[in-house]
Amino acid sequence: MNTVQKLGGLLAVQVALGAFTWWPRDAAATAPKLLVEGGGNAITKVSIVGNTKDAKPVELESKDGKWTLVSASGFPADADKMGEVLDALTAIKLSDPVANQAASFEQLKVSDTTYDKKVVFTANGAEHTLLVGAAASKSIYLRVDGGTEVYQAKGLSAWTFKDSTRGFLPANAIDIDKEKLTSLTLTNAQGTLALVKQGESWALGGGTPGPVKADKVSDLLDKATKVRLADVSGADVKPEYGLSTPAATVSWTLTDGGNTSQGSYTVGASVDGKYYVQQAGNAFVFESPNYRIDDLVKYAATELAGDITAVPTPAPAADMQPGFDPSQAMQPH
């Protein structure tokens, strides 16, 4: 027997051993069975952890139909992002296993120590544990509740099971409807800038009323009304957050038909590229990237007013609302 024949024979043995290890001996097809019966409403708790050093699980719980991040002091989870996880869990069907020997667990990343994600969830009152390993062609390998069978679930990705708090947060912590916005006041260490809407246009109010450049106002309102959410610090306000001596405060009035409402938020200290922010009436302190907040904090109000003010022209008295003083009405609270 020459060398080529010997190598060919060795390869055939390896393939046969691989097939023996991976594929179940029972050739009878098993009818697919849902991993979770009853849909997403049957699931009440989910915990997800990655397989990295010092990884901590992201823990979520459903109460009265709303999901909260237990591991982030009960901050509300984004409904759409949570829905992706629930849809993934309820879409999993188990049929014939692709492996049933412990020797395959490491390679498929579903062993007790080697996995991409560990998902622990409660459905219909029973707790289940999934060890998830990424597979080819947008599919995952699964080992369920410590069993010996490994299944392949197609159409899913291990990335769907997000293992960070950020993966379940909305893009914005504060998202004010600009169409209903009728006034906005920015206060920082050097002064106050008041903006008031007159018809479809914006003007300076307060002690220095006058016209403004529309494009500059639009940029300011974009930054002030959409505050990005990078992370949640919790509901315990700590001195180091700097909220008692704010770097900036934004307050506003919304008008919807005949109804008006007011709100405000406070910007505290900046640490590691993020500001601490808290909205009035909300117990949670969250973190927002510097690049969105810097313009609200670093510009003196007079400098910002000078930047957005057009060539000064006296505003007709009829254009201003009689008896309305934005500097008084829009003070932060």
C-alpha atoms as a PDB file:
ATOM      1  CA  MET A   1       0.000   0.000   0.000  1.00  0.00           C
ATOM      2  CA  ASN A   2       1.512   3.341  -1.040  1.00  0.00           C
ATOM      3  CA  THR A   3       1.539   6.560   1.048  1.00  0.00           C
ATOM      4  CA  VAL A   4      -1.444   8.108  -0.776  1.00  0.00           C
ATOM      5  CA  GLN A   5      -3.590   5.045  -0.072  1.00  0.00           C
ATOM      6  CA  LYS A   6      -2.581   5.042   3.593  1.00  0.00           C
ATOM      7  CA  LEU A   7      -3.472   8.718   3.976  1.00  0.00           C
ATOM      8  CA  GLY A   8      -6.791   8.153   2.216  1.00  0.00           C
ATOM      9  CA  GLY A   9      -7.612   5.289   4.549  1.00  0.00           C
ATOM     10  CA  LEU A  10      -6.733   7.394   7.599  1.00  0.00           C
ATOM     11  CA  LEU A  11      -8.969  10.207   6.391  1.00  0.00           C
ATOM     12  CA  ALA A  12     -11.866   7.803   5.905  1.00  0.00           C
ATOM     13  CA  VAL A  13     -11.459   6.547   9.465  1.00  0.00           C
ATOM     14  CA  GLN A  14     -11.425  10.116  10.829  1.00  0.00           C
ATOM     15  CA  VAL A  15     -14.598  11.013   8.920  1.00  0.00           C
ATOM     16  CA  ALA A  16     -16.299   7.869  10.180  1.00  0.00           C
ATOM     17  CA  LEU A  17     -15.305   8.623  13.764  1.00  0.00           C
ATOM     18  CA  GLY A  18     -16.554  12.185  13.391  1.00  0.00           C
ATOM     19  CA  ALA A  19     -19.891  10.970  12.117  1.00  0.00           C
ATOM     20  CA  PHE A  20     -20.121   8.444  14.928  1.00  0.00           C
ATOM     21  CA  THR A  21     -19.451  11.154  17.521  1.00  0.00           C
ATOM     22  CA  TRP A  22     -21.685  13.876  16.111  1.00  0.00           C
ATOM     23  CA  TRP A  23     -24.710  12.139  14.724  1.00  0.00           C
ATOM     24  CA  PRO A  24     -27.231  10.193  16.809  1.00  0.00           C
ATOM     25  CA  ARG A  25     -27.328   6.478  16.240  1.00  0.00           C
ATOM     26  CA  ASP A  26     -31.117   6.430  15.896  1.00  0.00           C
ATOM     27  CA  ALA A  27     -31.821   7.291  12.276  1.00  0.00           C
ATOM     28  CA  ALA A  28     -35.556   7.778  12.816  1.00  0.00           C
ATOM     29  CA  ALA A  29     -36.532  11.405  12.256  1.00  0.00           C
ATOM     30  CA  THR A  30     -37.965  13.260  15.219  1.00  0.00           C
ATOM     31  CA  ALA A  31     -40.849  15.674  14.709  1.00  0.00           C
ATOM     32  CA  PRO A  32     -39.722  19.226  15.603  1.00  0.00           C
ATOM     33  CA  LYS A  33     -40.886  20.357  19.034  1.00  0.00           C
ATOM     34  CA  LEU A  34     -41.037  23.928  20.275  1.00  0.00           C
ATOM     35  CA  LEU A  35     -38.616  24.690  23.057  1.00  0.00           C
ATOM     36  CA  VAL A  36     -41.169  27.093  24.593  1.00  0.00           C
ATOM     37  CA  GLU A  37     -44.888  26.465  24.487  1.00  0.00           C
ATOM     38  CA  GLY A  38     -47.284  29.396  24.726  1.00  0.00           C
ATOM     39  CA  GLY A  39     -45.261  32.107  22.979  1.00  0.00           C
ATOM     40  CA  GLY A  40     -43.421  35.052  24.484  1.00  0.00           C
ATOM     41  CA  ASN A  41     -46.029  35.670  27.184  1.00  0.00           C
ATOM     42  CA  ALA A  42     -45.045  32.359  28.767  1.00  0.00           C
ATOM     43  CA  ILE A  43     -41.555  33.719  29.533  1.00  0.00           C
ATOM     44  CA  THR A  44     -41.223  35.776  32.714  1.00  0.00           C
ATOM     45  CA  LYS A  45     -37.484  35.886  33.439  1.00  0.00           C
ATOM     46  CA  VAL A  46     -34.340  35.919  31.294  1.00  0.00           C
ATOM     47  CA  SER A  47     -30.668  35.975  32.278  1.00  0.00           C
ATOM     48  CA  ILE A  48     -27.882  36.165  29.691  1.00  0.00           C
ATOM     49  CA  VAL A  49     -24.141  36.016  30.283  1.00  0.00           C
ATOM     50  CA  GLY A  50     -21.201  35.829  27.899  1.00  0.00           C
ATOM     51  CA  ASN A  51     -18.113  33.687  28.320  1.00  0.00           C
ATOM     52  CA  THR A  52     -15.569  36.421  29.048  1.00  0.00           C
ATOM     53  CA  LYS A  53     -13.444  37.157  32.083  1.00  0.00           C
ATOM     54  CA  ASP A  54     -15.471  38.783  34.879  1.00  0.00           C
ATOM     55  CA  ALA A  55     -18.672  38.518  32.799  1.00  0.00           C
ATOM     56  CA  LYS A  56     -21.793  39.420  34.735  1.00  0.00           C
ATOM     57  CA  PRO A  57     -25.272  38.292  33.695  1.00  0.00           C
ATOM     58  CA  VAL A  58     -27.837  40.700  32.329  1.00  0.00           C
ATOM     59  CA  GLU A  59     -31.009  39.907  34.259  1.00  0.00           C
ATOM     60  CA  LEU A  60     -34.483  40.819  33.051  1.00  0.00           C
ATOM     61  CA  GLU A  61     -37.934  40.254  34.476  1.00  0.00           C
ATOM     62  CA  SER A  62     -41.471  40.810  33.262  1.00  0.00           C
ATOM     63  CA  LYS A  63     -43.951  42.533  35.558  1.00  0.00           C
ATOM     64  CA  ASP A  64     -47.450  43.410  34.410  1.00  0.00           C
ATOM     65  CA  GLY A  65     -46.377  42.834  30.824  1.00  0.00           C
ATOM     66  CA  LYS A  66     -43.385  45.198  30.999  1.00  0.00           C
ATOM     67  CA  TRP A  67     -39.763  44.066  31.020  1.00  0.00           C
ATOM     68  CA  THR A  68     -37.237  45.645  33.349  1.00  0.00           C
ATOM     69  CA  LEU A  69     -33.484  45.252  33.792  1.00  0.00           C
ATOM     70  CA  VAL A  70     -33.169  43.766  37.263  1.00  0.00           C
ATOM     71  CA  SER A  71     -29.386  44.012  36.954  1.00  0.00           C
ATOM     72  CA  ALA A  72     -29.720  47.777  36.302  1.00  0.00           C
ATOM     73  CA  SER A  73     -31.912  48.700  39.292  1.00  0.00           C
ATOM     74  CA  GLY A  74     -35.129  47.911  37.431  1.00  0.00           C
ATOM     75  CA  PHE A  75     -34.608  50.329  34.513  1.00  0.00           C
ATOM     76  CA  PRO A  76     -37.192  49.665  31.765  1.00  0.00           C
ATOM     77  CA  ALA A  77     -35.906  47.476  28.937  1.00  0.00           C
ATOM     78  CA  ASP A  78     -36.484  48.567  25.366  1.00  0.00           C
ATOM     79  CA  ALA A  79     -39.582  46.704  24.180  1.00  0.00           C
ATOM     80  CA  ASP A  80     -38.295  46.055  20.646  1.00  0.00           C
ATOM     81  CA  LYS A  81     -34.906  44.760  21.788  1.00  0.00           C
ATOM     82  CA  MET A  82     -36.483  42.539  24.401  1.00  0.00           C
ATOM     83  CA  GLY A  83     -38.925  41.324  21.788  1.00  0.00           C
ATOM     84  CA  GLU A  84     -36.028  40.078  19.646  1.00  0.00           C
ATOM     85  CA  VAL A  85     -34.875  37.788  22.454  1.00  0.00           C
ATOM     86  CA  LEU A  86     -38.372  36.504  23.179  1.00  0.00           C
ATOM     87  CA  ASP A  87     -38.977  35.873  19.478  1.00  0.00           C
ATOM     88  CA  ALA A  88     -35.699  33.953  19.263  1.00  0.00           C
ATOM     89  CA  LEU A  89     -36.499  31.751  22.255  1.00  0.00           C
ATOM     90  CA  THR A  90     -40.027  30.977  21.092  1.00  0.00           C
ATOM     91  CA  ALA A  91     -38.845  30.204  17.547  1.00  0.00           C
ATOM     92  CA  ILE A  92     -36.458  27.432  18.641  1.00  0.00           C
ATOM     93  CA  LYS A  93     -37.564  23.960  17.602  1.00  0.00           C
ATOM     94  CA  LEU A  94     -35.820  20.804  18.744  1.00  0.00           C
ATOM     95  CA  SER A  95     -35.745  17.821  16.444  1.00  0.00           C
ATOM     96  CA  ASP A  96     -32.903  15.388  15.762  1.00  0.00           C
ATOM     97  CA  PRO A  97     -29.698  16.289  17.632  1.00  0.00           C
ATOM     98  CA  VAL A  98     -26.552  16.908  15.611  1.00  0.00           C
ATOM     99  CA  ALA A  99     -24.389  15.433  18.380  1.00  0.00           C
ATOM    100  CA  ASN A 100     -24.881  13.415  21.512  1.00  0.00           C
ATOM    101  CA  GLN A 101     -21.369  12.813  22.823  1.00  0.00           C
ATOM    102  CA  ALA A 102     -19.539  14.983  25.365  1.00  0.00           C
ATOM    103  CA  ALA A 103     -16.472  14.916  23.123  1.00  0.00           C
ATOM    104  CA  SER A 104     -18.287  17.295  20.734  1.00  0.00           C
ATOM    105  CA  PHE A 105     -19.335  19.888  23.312  1.00  0.00           C
ATOM    106  CA  GLU A 106     -16.107  21.876  23.287  1.00  0.00           C
ATOM    107  CA  GLN A 107     -15.934  22.048  19.510  1.00  0.00           C
ATOM    108  CA  LEU A 108     -19.554  23.165  19.224  1.00  0.00           C
ATOM    109  CA  LYS A 109     -19.115  25.646  22.117  1.00  0.00           C
ATOM    110  CA  VAL A 110     -21.851  24.165  24.275  1.00  0.00           C
ATOM    111  CA  SER A 111     -19.802  22.725  27.126  1.00  0.00           C
ATOM    112  CA  ASP A 112     -20.160  23.865  30.729  1.00  0.00           C
ATOM    113  CA  THR A 113     -17.029  25.995  30.395  1.00  0.00           C
ATOM    114  CA  THR A 114     -16.888  26.790  26.677  1.00  0.00           C
ATOM    115  CA  TYR A 115     -19.875  28.565  25.161  1.00  0.00           C
ATOM    116  CA  ASP A 116     -20.776  31.812  23.429  1.00  0.00           C
ATOM    117  CA  LYS A 117     -23.757  32.631  25.636  1.00  0.00           C
ATOM    118  CA  LYS A 118     -25.497  31.046  28.581  1.00  0.00           C
ATOM    119  CA  VAL A 119     -29.209  31.826  28.651  1.00  0.00           C
ATOM    120  CA  VAL A 120     -31.281  30.991  31.711  1.00  0.00           C
ATOM    121  CA  PHE A 121     -34.991  31.669  31.401  1.00  0.00           C
ATOM    122  CA  THR A 122     -38.247  30.852  33.135  1.00  0.00           C
ATOM    123  CA  ALA A 123     -41.179  29.781  30.962  1.00  0.00           C
ATOM    124  CA  ASN A 124     -44.494  28.412  32.157  1.00  0.00           C
ATOM    125  CA  GLY A 125     -43.105  28.388  35.674  1.00  0.00           C
ATOM    126  CA  ALA A 126     -40.097  26.176  34.875  1.00  0.00           C
ATOM    127  CA  GLU A 127     -36.479  27.311  34.639  1.00  0.00           C
ATOM    128  CA  HIS A 128     -34.346  26.283  31.670  1.00  0.00           C
ATOM    129  CA  THR A 129     -30.684  26.724  30.800  1.00  0.00           C
ATOM    130  CA  LEU A 130     -29.359  26.999  27.260  1.00  0.00           C
ATOM    131  CA  LEU A 131     -25.684  26.807  26.352  1.00  0.00           C
ATOM    132  CA  VAL A 132     -25.429  28.573  22.998  1.00  0.00           C
ATOM    133  CA  GLY A 133     -22.651  28.213  20.446  1.00  0.00           C
ATOM    134  CA  ALA A 134     -22.480  30.054  17.126  1.00  0.00           C
ATOM    135  CA  ALA A 135     -22.830  27.884  14.018  1.00  0.00           C
ATOM    136  CA  ALA A 136     -22.493  28.540  10.306  1.00  0.00           C
ATOM    137  CA  SER A 137     -25.176  29.947   7.997  1.00  0.00           C
ATOM    138  CA  LYS A 138     -26.928  32.005  10.675  1.00  0.00           C
ATOM    139  CA  SER A 139     -27.697  29.223  13.074  1.00  0.00           C
ATOM    140  CA  ILE A 140     -26.760  28.245  16.595  1.00  0.00           C
ATOM    141  CA  TYR A 141     -25.945  25.072  18.485  1.00  0.00           C
ATOM    142  CA  LEU A 142     -27.864  24.461  21.696  1.00  0.00           C
ATOM    143  CA  ARG A 143     -27.476  22.186  24.671  1.00  0.00           C
ATOM    144  CA  VAL A 144     -30.555  22.280  26.886  1.00  0.00           C
ATOM    145  CA  ASP A 145     -30.725  21.853  30.668  1.00  0.00           C
ATOM    146  CA  GLY A 146     -27.467  19.963  30.962  1.00  0.00           C
ATOM    147  CA  GLY A 147     -28.519  17.229  28.548  1.00  0.00           C
ATOM    148  CA  THR A 148     -26.209  15.281  26.277  1.00  0.00           C
ATOM    149  CA  GLU A 149     -27.993  16.138  23.022  1.00  0.00           C
ATOM    150  CA  VAL A 150     -26.828  19.125  20.965  1.00  0.00           C
ATOM    151  CA  TYR A 151     -29.333  20.698  18.596  1.00  0.00           C
ATOM    152  CA  GLN A 152     -28.969  23.135  15.731  1.00  0.00           C
ATOM    153  CA  ALA A 153     -31.467  25.984  15.503  1.00  0.00           C
ATOM    154  CA  LYS A 154     -31.466  27.683  12.118  1.00  0.00           C
ATOM    155  CA  GLY A 155     -32.305  31.308  11.396  1.00  0.00           C
ATOM    156  CA  LEU A 156     -30.866  32.507  14.706  1.00  0.00           C
ATOM    157  CA  SER A 157     -27.654  34.176  15.820  1.00  0.00           C
ATOM    158  CA  ALA A 158     -25.802  34.005  19.122  1.00  0.00           C
ATOM    159  CA  TRP A 159     -25.610  37.818  18.926  1.00  0.00           C
ATOM    160  CA  THR A 160     -29.378  37.973  19.371  1.00  0.00           C
ATOM    161  CA  PHE A 161     -28.815  37.048  23.002  1.00  0.00           C
ATOM    162  CA  LYS A 162     -27.249  40.310  24.139  1.00  0.00           C
ATOM    163  CA  ASP A 163     -25.058  40.003  27.219  1.00  0.00           C
ATOM    164  CA  SER A 164     -24.771  43.692  28.166  1.00  0.00           C
ATOM    165  CA  THR A 165     -27.171  46.199  29.697  1.00  0.00           C
ATOM    166  CA  ARG A 166     -26.598  48.464  26.710  1.00  0.00           C
ATOM    167  CA  GLY A 167     -28.078  45.815  24.451  1.00  0.00           C
ATOM    168  CA  PHE A 168     -31.491  46.327  26.081  1.00  0.00           C
ATOM    169  CA  LEU A 169     -31.541  50.109  26.326  1.00  0.00           C
ATOM    170  CA  PRO A 170     -33.344  52.497  23.957  1.00  0.00           C
ATOM    171  CA  ALA A 171     -31.215  54.832  21.853  1.00  0.00           C
ATOM    172  CA  ASN A 172     -32.409  57.910  23.739  1.00  0.00           C
ATOM    173  CA  ALA A 173     -33.077  58.398  27.431  1.00  0.00           C
ATOM    174  CA  ILE A 174     -34.903  61.657  26.690  1.00  0.00           C
ATOM    175  CA  ASP A 175     -36.717  62.147  23.401  1.00  0.00           C
ATOM    176  CA  ILE A 176     -38.803  65.317  23.291  1.00  0.00           C
ATOM    177  CA  ASP A 177     -41.308  65.800  20.466  1.00  0.00           C
ATOM    178  CA  LYS A 178     -40.026  68.901  18.643  1.00  0.00           C
ATOM    179  CA  GLU A 179     -43.336  69.306  16.841  1.00  0.00           C
ATOM    180  CA  LYS A 180     -45.018  69.994  20.187  1.00  0.00           C
ATOM    181  CA  LEU A 181     -42.154  72.017  21.661  1.00  0.00           C
ATOM    182  CA  THR A 182     -43.111  75.645  22.282  1.00  0.00           C
ATOM    183  CA  SER A 183     -40.272  76.866  24.510  1.00  0.00           C
ATOM    184  CA  LEU A 184     -36.884  75.725  25.695  1.00  0.00           C
ATOM    185  CA  THR A 185     -34.462  77.181  28.219  1.00  0.00           C
ATOM    186  CA  LEU A 186     -30.807  76.265  28.595  1.00  0.00           C
ATOM    187  CA  THR A 187     -29.031  77.292  31.788  1.00  0.00           C
ATOM    188  CA  ASN A 188     -25.373  76.684  32.506  1.00  0.00           C
ATOM    189  CA  ALA A 189     -22.688  78.200  34.719  1.00  0.00           C
ATOM    190  CA  GLN A 190     -22.587  81.479  32.826  1.00  0.00           C
ATOM    191  CA  GLY A 191     -26.171  82.327  32.080  1.00  0.00           C
ATOM    192  CA  THR A 192     -29.542  81.442  30.609  1.00  0.00           C
ATOM    193  CA  LEU A 193     -30.686  81.197  27.012  1.00  0.00           C
ATOM    194  CA  ALA A 194     -34.448  81.206  26.449  1.00  0.00           C
ATOM    195  CA  LEU A 195     -36.083  80.212  23.153  1.00  0.00           C
ATOM    196  CA  VAL A 196     -39.764  80.651  22.423  1.00  0.00           C
ATOM    197  CA  LYS A 197     -41.753  79.501  19.418  1.00  0.00           C
ATOM    198  CA  GLN A 198     -43.837  82.103  17.611  1.00  0.00           C
ATOM    199  CA  GLY A 199     -46.094  80.485  15.047  1.00  0.00           C
ATOM    200  CA  GLU A 200     -43.759  78.240  13.046  1.00  0.00           C
ATOM    201  CA  SER A 201     -40.569  80.156  13.906  1.00  0.00           C
ATOM    202  CA  TRP A 202     -38.276  80.416  16.906  1.00  0.00           C
ATOM    203  CA  ALA A 203     -37.087  83.591  18.604  1.00  0.00           C
ATOM    204  CA  LEU A 204     -35.007  84.587  21.580  1.00  0.00           C
ATOM    205  CA  GLY A 205     -37.043  85.358  24.669  1.00  0.00           C
ATOM    206  CA  GLY A 206     -36.209  86.305  28.209  1.00  0.00           C
ATOM    207  CA  GLY A 207     -34.254  89.472  28.781  1.00  0.00           C
ATOM    208  CA  THR A 208     -32.868  89.697  25.214  1.00  0.00           C
ATOM    209  CA  PRO A 209     -35.753  88.992  22.803  1.00  0.00           C
ATOM    210  CA  GLY A 210     -35.002  88.947  19.109  1.00  0.00           C
ATOM    211  CA  PRO A 211     -34.762  86.872  15.926  1.00  0.00           C
ATOM    212  CA  VAL A 212     -32.527  83.854  15.485  1.00  0.00           C
ATOM    213  CA  LYS A 213     -30.945  81.869  12.661  1.00  0.00           C
ATOM    214  CA  ALA A 214     -33.203  78.924  11.934  1.00  0.00           C
ATOM    215  CA  ASP A 215     -30.404  76.442  11.149  1.00  0.00           C
ATOM    216  CA  LYS A 216     -28.511  77.230  14.355  1.00  0.00           C
ATOM    217  CA  VAL A 217     -31.632  76.870  16.469  1.00  0.00           C
ATOM    218  CA  SER A 218     -32.460  73.552  14.799  1.00  0.00           C
ATOM    219  CA  ASP A 219     -29.011  72.181  15.681  1.00  0.00           C
ATOM    220  CA  LEU A 220     -29.358  73.299  19.293  1.00  0.00           C
ATOM    221  CA  LEU A 221     -32.836  71.802  19.620  1.00  0.00           C
ATOM    222  CA  ASP A 222     -31.676  68.490  18.139  1.00  0.00           C
ATOM    223  CA  LYS A 223     -29.023  68.162  20.837  1.00  0.00           C
ATOM    224  CA  ALA A 224     -31.223  69.366  23.674  1.00  0.00           C
ATOM    225  CA  THR A 225     -34.287  67.269  22.854  1.00  0.00           C
ATOM    226  CA  LYS A 226     -32.618  63.912  22.096  1.00  0.00           C
ATOM    227  CA  VAL A 227     -30.327  62.823  24.912  1.00  0.00           C
ATOM    228  CA  ARG A 228     -28.456  59.632  24.044  1.00  0.00           C
ATOM    229  CA  LEU A 229     -28.478  56.755  26.509  1.00  0.00           C
ATOM    230  CA  ALA A 230     -25.105  55.064  26.964  1.00  0.00           C
ATOM    231  CA  ASP A 231     -25.658  53.309  30.291  1.00  0.00           C
ATOM    232  CA  VAL A 232     -27.683  53.355  33.493  1.00  0.00           C
ATOM    233  CA  SER A 233     -26.005  54.289  36.780  1.00  0.00           C
ATOM    234  CA  GLY A 234     -28.992  53.301  38.897  1.00  0.00           C
ATOM    235  CA  ALA A 235     -31.524  54.986  41.136  1.00  0.00           C
ATOM    236  CA  ASP A 236     -29.085  55.847  43.911  1.00  0.00           C
ATOM    237  CA  VAL A 237     -27.922  59.458  43.355  1.00  0.00           C
ATOM    238  CA  LYS A 238     -24.295  59.668  44.456  1.00  0.00           C
ATOM    239  CA  PRO A 239     -22.368  62.905  45.202  1.00  0.00           C
ATOM    240  CA  GLU A 240     -19.801  62.125  42.510  1.00  0.00           C
ATOM    241  CA  TYR A 241     -22.510  62.407  39.869  1.00  0.00           C
ATOM    242  CA  GLY A 242     -22.381  66.183  40.301  1.00  0.00           C
ATOM    243  CA  LEU A 243     -26.130  66.658  39.963  1.00  0.00           C
ATOM    244  CA  SER A 244     -26.387  68.965  42.989  1.00  0.00           C
ATOM    245  CA  THR A 245     -24.133  71.486  41.196  1.00  0.00           C
ATOM    246  CA  PRO A 246     -25.203  70.935  37.586  1.00  0.00           C
ATOM    247  CA  ALA A 247     -23.075  71.800  34.600  1.00  0.00           C
ATOM    248  CA  ALA A 248     -26.267  72.529  32.645  1.00  0.00           C
ATOM    249  CA  THR A 249     -30.022  72.377  32.987  1.00  0.00           C
ATOM    250  CA  VAL A 250     -32.545  72.174  30.162  1.00  0.00           C
ATOM    251  CA  SER A 251     -36.243  72.862  30.644  1.00  0.00           C
ATOM    252  CA  TRP A 252     -39.074  72.938  28.149  1.00  0.00           C
ATOM    253  CA  THR A 253     -42.785  73.368  27.499  1.00  0.00           C
ATOM    254  CA  LEU A 254     -44.837  71.123  25.221  1.00  0.00           C
ATOM    255  CA  THR A 255     -48.193  72.162  23.812  1.00  0.00           C
ATOM    256  CA  ASP A 256     -50.576  69.570  22.417  1.00  0.00           C
ATOM    257  CA  GLY A 257     -53.861  71.123  21.401  1.00  0.00           C
ATOM    258  CA  GLY A 258     -55.070  72.963  24.467  1.00  0.00           C
ATOM    259  CA  ASN A 259     -52.852  71.032  26.868  1.00  0.00           C
ATOM    260  CA  THR A 260     -49.419  72.098  28.033  1.00  0.00           C
ATOM    261  CA  SER A 261     -46.783  70.226  30.009  1.00  0.00           C
ATOM    262  CA  GLN A 262     -43.339  71.023  31.283  1.00  0.00           C
ATOM    263  CA  GLY A 263     -40.207  69.027  31.936  1.00  0.00           C
ATOM    264  CA  SER A 264     -36.502  69.400  32.625  1.00  0.00           C
ATOM    265  CA  TYR A 265     -33.270  67.497  33.032  1.00  0.00           C
ATOM    266  CA  THR A 266     -29.999  68.177  34.793  1.00  0.00           C
ATOM    267  CA  VAL A 267     -26.496  67.477  33.489  1.00  0.00           C
ATOM    268  CA  GLY A 268     -23.921  66.618  36.142  1.00  0.00           C
ATOM    269  CA  ALA A 269     -20.262  65.634  36.056  1.00  0.00           C
ATOM    270  CA  SER A 270     -18.406  64.157  33.090  1.00  0.00           C
ATOM    271  CA  VAL A 271     -16.481  60.927  33.744  1.00  0.00           C
ATOM    272  CA  ASP A 272     -14.766  58.708  31.155  1.00  0.00           C
ATOM    273  CA  GLY A 273     -16.359  60.447  28.192  1.00  0.00           C
ATOM    274  CA  LYS A 274     -19.926  60.435  29.559  1.00  0.00           C
ATOM    275  CA  TYR A 275     -22.058  62.882  31.522  1.00  0.00           C
ATOM    276  CA  TYR A 276     -24.377  61.897  34.322  1.00  0.00           C
ATOM    277  CA  VAL A 277     -27.929  63.055  33.517  1.00  0.00           C
ATOM    278  CA  GLN A 278     -31.204  62.915  35.431  1.00  0.00           C
ATOM    279  CA  GLN A 279     -34.653  63.928  34.269  1.00  0.00           C
ATOM    280  CA  ALA A 280     -36.995  65.631  36.706  1.00  0.00           C
ATOM    281  CA  GLY A 281     -39.483  63.141  38.131  1.00  0.00           C
ATOM    282  CA  ASN A 282     -37.341  60.128  37.162  1.00  0.00           C
ATOM    283  CA  ALA A 283     -35.389  58.337  39.890  1.00  0.00           C
ATOM    284  CA  PHE A 284     -32.811  56.887  37.491  1.00  0.00           C
ATOM    285  CA  VAL A 285     -29.483  58.499  36.724  1.00  0.00           C
ATOM    286  CA  PHE A 286     -28.145  57.624  33.304  1.00  0.00           C
ATOM    287  CA  GLU A 287     -25.020  58.325  31.298  1.00  0.00           C
ATOM    288  CA  SER A 288     -24.890  60.181  27.989  1.00  0.00           C
ATOM    289  CA  PRO A 289     -21.920  60.553  25.587  1.00  0.00           C
ATOM    290  CA  ASN A 290     -19.968  63.797  25.797  1.00  0.00           C
ATOM    291  CA  TYR A 291     -20.265  64.513  22.086  1.00  0.00           C
ATOM    292  CA  ARG A 292     -23.997  65.139  22.458  1.00  0.00           C
ATOM    293  CA  ILE A 293     -23.845  67.108  25.683  1.00  0.00           C
ATOM    294  CA  ASP A 294     -20.677  69.203  25.332  1.00  0.00           C
ATOM    295  CA  ASP A 295     -22.372  72.003  23.396  1.00  0.00           C
ATOM    296  CA  LEU A 296     -25.001  72.342  26.101  1.00  0.00           C
ATOM    297  CA  VAL A 297     -22.381  72.485  28.832  1.00  0.00           C
ATOM    298  CA  LYS A 298     -19.335  74.261  27.441  1.00  0.00           C
ATOM    299  CA  TYR A 299     -20.904  77.179  25.624  1.00  0.00           C
ATOM    300  CA  ALA A 300     -21.690  80.159  27.765  1.00  0.00           C
ATOM    301  CA  ALA A 301     -25.293  81.159  27.279  1.00  0.00           C
ATOM    302  CA  THR A 302     -24.262  84.589  26.023  1.00  0.00           C
ATOM    303  CA  GLU A 303     -21.842  83.045  23.542  1.00  0.00           C
ATOM    304  CA  LEU A 304     -24.447  80.632  22.273  1.00  0.00           C
ATOM    305  CA  ALA A 305     -27.002  83.423  22.000  1.00  0.00           C
ATOM    306  CA  GLY A 306     -24.557  85.530  20.058  1.00  0.00           C
ATOM    307  CA  ASP A 307     -23.855  82.581  17.758  1.00  0.00           C
ATOM    308  CA  ILE A 308     -27.473  81.954  16.833  1.00  0.00           C
ATOM    309  CA  THR A 309     -28.702  85.589  16.813  1.00  0.00           C
ATOM    310  CA  ALA A 310     -29.160  87.179  13.422  1.00  0.00           C
ATOM    311  CA  VAL A 311     -28.329  90.810  12.702  1.00  0.00           C
ATOM    312  CA  PRO A 312     -30.215  92.633  15.485  1.00  0.00           C
ATOM    313  CA  THR A 313     -33.531  94.084  14.394  1.00  0.00           C
ATOM    314  CA  PRO A 314     -36.227  95.194  16.802  1.00  0.00           C
ATOM    315  CA  ALA A 315     -38.952  92.569  17.061  1.00  0.00           C
ATOM    316  CA  PRO A 316     -42.477  93.957  16.651  1.00  0.00           C
ATOM    317  CA  ALA A 317     -44.303  93.927  19.944  1.00  0.00           C
ATOM    318  CA  ALA A 318     -47.219  92.092  18.323  1.00  0.00           C
ATOM    319  CA  ASP A 319     -44.949  89.125  17.584  1.00  0.00           C
ATOM    320  CA  MET A 320     -44.368  88.427  21.250  1.00  0.00           C
ATOM    321  CA  GLN A 321     -46.996  86.832  23.424  1.00  0.00           C
ATOM    322  CA  PRO A 322     -48.548  89.509  25.651  1.00  0.00           C
ATOM    323  CA  GLY A 323     -47.509  89.155  29.257  1.00  0.00           C
ATOM    324  CA  PHE A 324     -45.278  86.112  28.548  1.00  0.00           C
ATOM    325  CA  ASP A 325     -41.807  86.094  30.077  1.00  0.00           C
ATOM    326  CA  PRO A 326     -39.967  82.874  29.148  1.00  0.00           C
ATOM    327  CA  SER A 327     -37.179  83.584  31.597  1.00  0.00           C
ATOM    328  CA  GLN A 328     -39.727  83.257  34.375  1.00  0.00           C
ATOM    329  CA  ALA A 329     -41.934  80.510  32.972  1.00  0.00           C
ATOM    330  CA  MET A 330     -39.101  78.218  31.899  1.00  0.00           C
ATOM    331  CA  GLN A 331     -36.902  78.239  34.976  1.00  0.00           C
ATOM    332  CA  PRO A 332     -35.579  74.742  35.740  1.00  0.00           C
ATOM    333  CA  HIS A 333     -37.354  72.800  38.486  1.00  0.00           C
END
